[in-house]
Each structure stands twice: as structure tokens, then as C-alpha cells.
Amino acid sequence: MSTTFAALAALALAFAAFACLALAMDRHQAQATGRDTTTPGLRFGLRLSAALLALVGMAACLQAWGVAVAALVWLGMLSCGAILTTLTLSYAPRRLRILAAAAALLGLGLAYA
């Protein structure tokens, strides 16, 4: 895997992971969907999805770089993903679910390409 694809995959997966974490919170769920509460099962599923997406992002980084560089790139991409999620919640909260799903599909496709 090329380093460019690995970096893009890690960024897309980090954004999707942080979007899942944000949607697991009632406040952000209300911003994105208009519903006030979420069920405990949905919250658990979103948190589990976030953890799995983040781990796949780390695996993509490990395929392209050594352990030390992969960890550094992954942490940087997590930071960028958190910023992108924050900006999306600030300026286009209704589009967060669509963007997160697209980012997850793009990231998974790039990670396994």
C-alpha cells in the first residue's frame, strides 16, 4: 500500500470514527438528526463502530510505515479527524451522518485496496 493511500484511509476512518463517537452523544445526535435521545443499544453500537474504525485506520498506517512512524501518523490523523468532525457539527450538522458513512466506505476501500 502506498503511503498516500494509507494516509487518506487513516484520515477518512478517523473522521468516521469521531463522527460515530459524536453521534453516540445525545446533544450531537439531536444536532444531526433532530431526535432528542438515543437508545442505549444505538449508543453502544456507535461506540463499538468508532473503536473498530480507528483500529482499521491504525492497521492501514502499519501497512505503509513502521511502528513508530505509523503511530505518529495515526495520532495526527486522529487529530485531523476530530477537527473535521467538529467543523462538520458546527457548520453542517445534518450532513454528518452522510459524510461519515461516505468516509467510512472510502477509508475501508482504500485500506484494503
Protein backbone atom coordinates (compact mmCIF):
# COMPACT_ATOMS: atom_id res chain seq x y z
CA MET A 1 0.00 0.00 0.00
CA SER A 2 1.31 3.42 -0.87
CA THR A 3 1.77 5.97 1.86
CA THR A 4 -0.68 8.36 0.19
CA PHE A 5 -3.49 5.81 0.20
CA ALA A 6 -2.66 4.85 3.78
CA ALA A 7 -2.78 8.47 4.93
CA LEU A 8 -6.09 9.10 3.13
CA ALA A 9 -7.56 5.89 4.52
CA ALA A 10 -6.46 6.78 8.05
CA LEU A 11 -7.93 10.29 7.74
CA ALA A 12 -11.26 9.07 6.37
CA LEU A 13 -11.52 6.35 9.03
CA ALA A 14 -10.58 8.78 11.81
CA PHE A 15 -13.30 11.20 10.66
CA ALA A 16 -15.84 8.37 10.55
CA ALA A 17 -14.76 7.15 13.99
CA PHE A 18 -15.11 10.57 15.60
CA ALA A 19 -18.43 11.11 13.84
CA CYS A 20 -19.66 7.84 15.37
CA LEU A 21 -18.48 8.98 18.79
CA ALA A 22 -20.23 12.32 18.34
CA LEU A 23 -23.46 10.67 17.22
CA ALA A 24 -23.35 8.46 20.32
CA MET A 25 -23.93 11.61 22.41
CA ASP A 26 -27.48 12.88 22.84
CA ARG A 27 -26.56 16.50 22.16
CA HIS A 28 -24.83 15.82 18.87
CA GLN A 29 -27.46 13.25 17.87
CA ALA A 30 -30.08 15.98 18.30
CA GLN A 31 -28.00 18.36 16.18
CA ALA A 32 -27.56 15.83 13.39
CA THR A 33 -30.97 14.15 13.32
CA GLY A 34 -33.42 16.28 15.27
CA ARG A 35 -34.17 13.41 17.69
CA ASP A 36 -33.58 14.23 21.34
CA THR A 37 -32.48 10.85 22.67
CA THR A 38 -30.82 7.69 21.51
CA THR A 39 -31.28 4.16 22.73
CA PRO A 40 -28.53 2.52 24.78
CA GLY A 41 -28.10 -0.13 22.08
CA LEU A 42 -27.53 2.50 19.40
CA ARG A 43 -25.02 4.33 21.60
CA PHE A 44 -23.12 1.10 22.25
CA GLY A 45 -23.13 0.21 18.55
CA LEU A 46 -21.82 3.65 17.57
CA ARG A 47 -19.04 3.48 20.17
CA LEU A 48 -18.06 -0.01 19.05
CA SER A 49 -18.06 1.12 15.42
CA ALA A 50 -15.84 4.06 16.34
CA ALA A 51 -13.32 1.79 18.01
CA LEU A 52 -13.26 -0.62 15.07
CA LEU A 53 -12.89 2.18 12.51
CA ALA A 54 -10.00 3.65 14.48
CA LEU A 55 -8.28 0.26 14.68
CA VAL A 56 -8.64 -0.28 10.93
CA GLY A 57 -7.09 3.15 10.43
CA MET A 58 -4.16 2.10 12.59
CA ALA A 59 -3.81 -1.12 10.58
CA ALA A 60 -3.70 0.91 7.36
CA CYS A 61 -0.89 3.03 8.80
CA LEU A 62 1.00 -0.06 9.93
CA GLN A 63 0.88 -1.47 6.39
CA ALA A 64 2.59 1.60 4.96
CA TRP A 65 5.05 2.59 7.68
CA GLY A 66 6.99 1.10 10.56
CA VAL A 67 5.52 1.04 14.06
CA ALA A 68 6.97 4.37 15.23
CA VAL A 69 6.00 6.36 12.14
CA ALA A 70 2.63 4.59 11.85
CA ALA A 71 1.72 5.56 15.42
CA LEU A 72 2.72 9.18 14.79
CA VAL A 73 0.77 9.40 11.51
CA TRP A 74 -2.26 7.69 13.07
CA LEU A 75 -2.33 10.11 16.01
CA GLY A 76 -2.03 13.03 13.61
CA MET A 77 -4.89 11.71 11.50
CA LEU A 78 -6.99 11.21 14.64
CA SER A 79 -6.44 14.88 15.45
CA CYS A 80 -7.43 15.92 11.93
CA GLY A 81 -10.49 13.66 12.05
CA ALA A 82 -11.58 15.26 15.33
CA ILE A 83 -11.20 18.74 13.83
CA LEU A 84 -13.18 17.74 10.72
CA THR A 85 -15.95 16.30 12.87
CA THR A 86 -16.07 19.47 14.96
CA LEU A 87 -16.25 21.66 11.86
CA THR A 88 -18.99 19.50 10.37
CA LEU A 89 -21.01 19.67 13.57
CA SER A 90 -20.56 23.45 13.62
CA TYR A 91 -21.41 24.26 10.03
CA ALA A 92 -23.39 21.32 8.58
CA PRO A 93 -24.65 19.06 11.38
CA ARG A 94 -27.42 17.50 9.28
CA ARG A 95 -24.83 16.17 6.82
CA LEU A 96 -22.66 14.47 9.44
CA ARG A 97 -24.25 11.02 9.05
CA ILE A 98 -23.93 11.03 5.26
CA LEU A 99 -20.36 12.31 5.32
CA ALA A 100 -19.37 9.79 7.98
CA ALA A 101 -20.83 6.88 6.04
CA ALA A 102 -19.08 8.03 2.86
CA ALA A 103 -15.80 8.47 4.73
CA ALA A 104 -16.08 5.01 6.27
CA LEU A 105 -16.67 3.41 2.88
CA LEU A 106 -13.85 5.39 1.29
CA GLY A 107 -11.46 4.58 4.14
CA LEU A 108 -12.27 0.88 4.12
CA GLY A 109 -11.91 0.78 0.35
CA LEU A 110 -8.54 2.48 0.46
CA ALA A 111 -7.33 0.39 3.38
CA TYR A 112 -7.99 -2.85 1.55
CA ALA A 113 -7.06 -1.69 -1.95
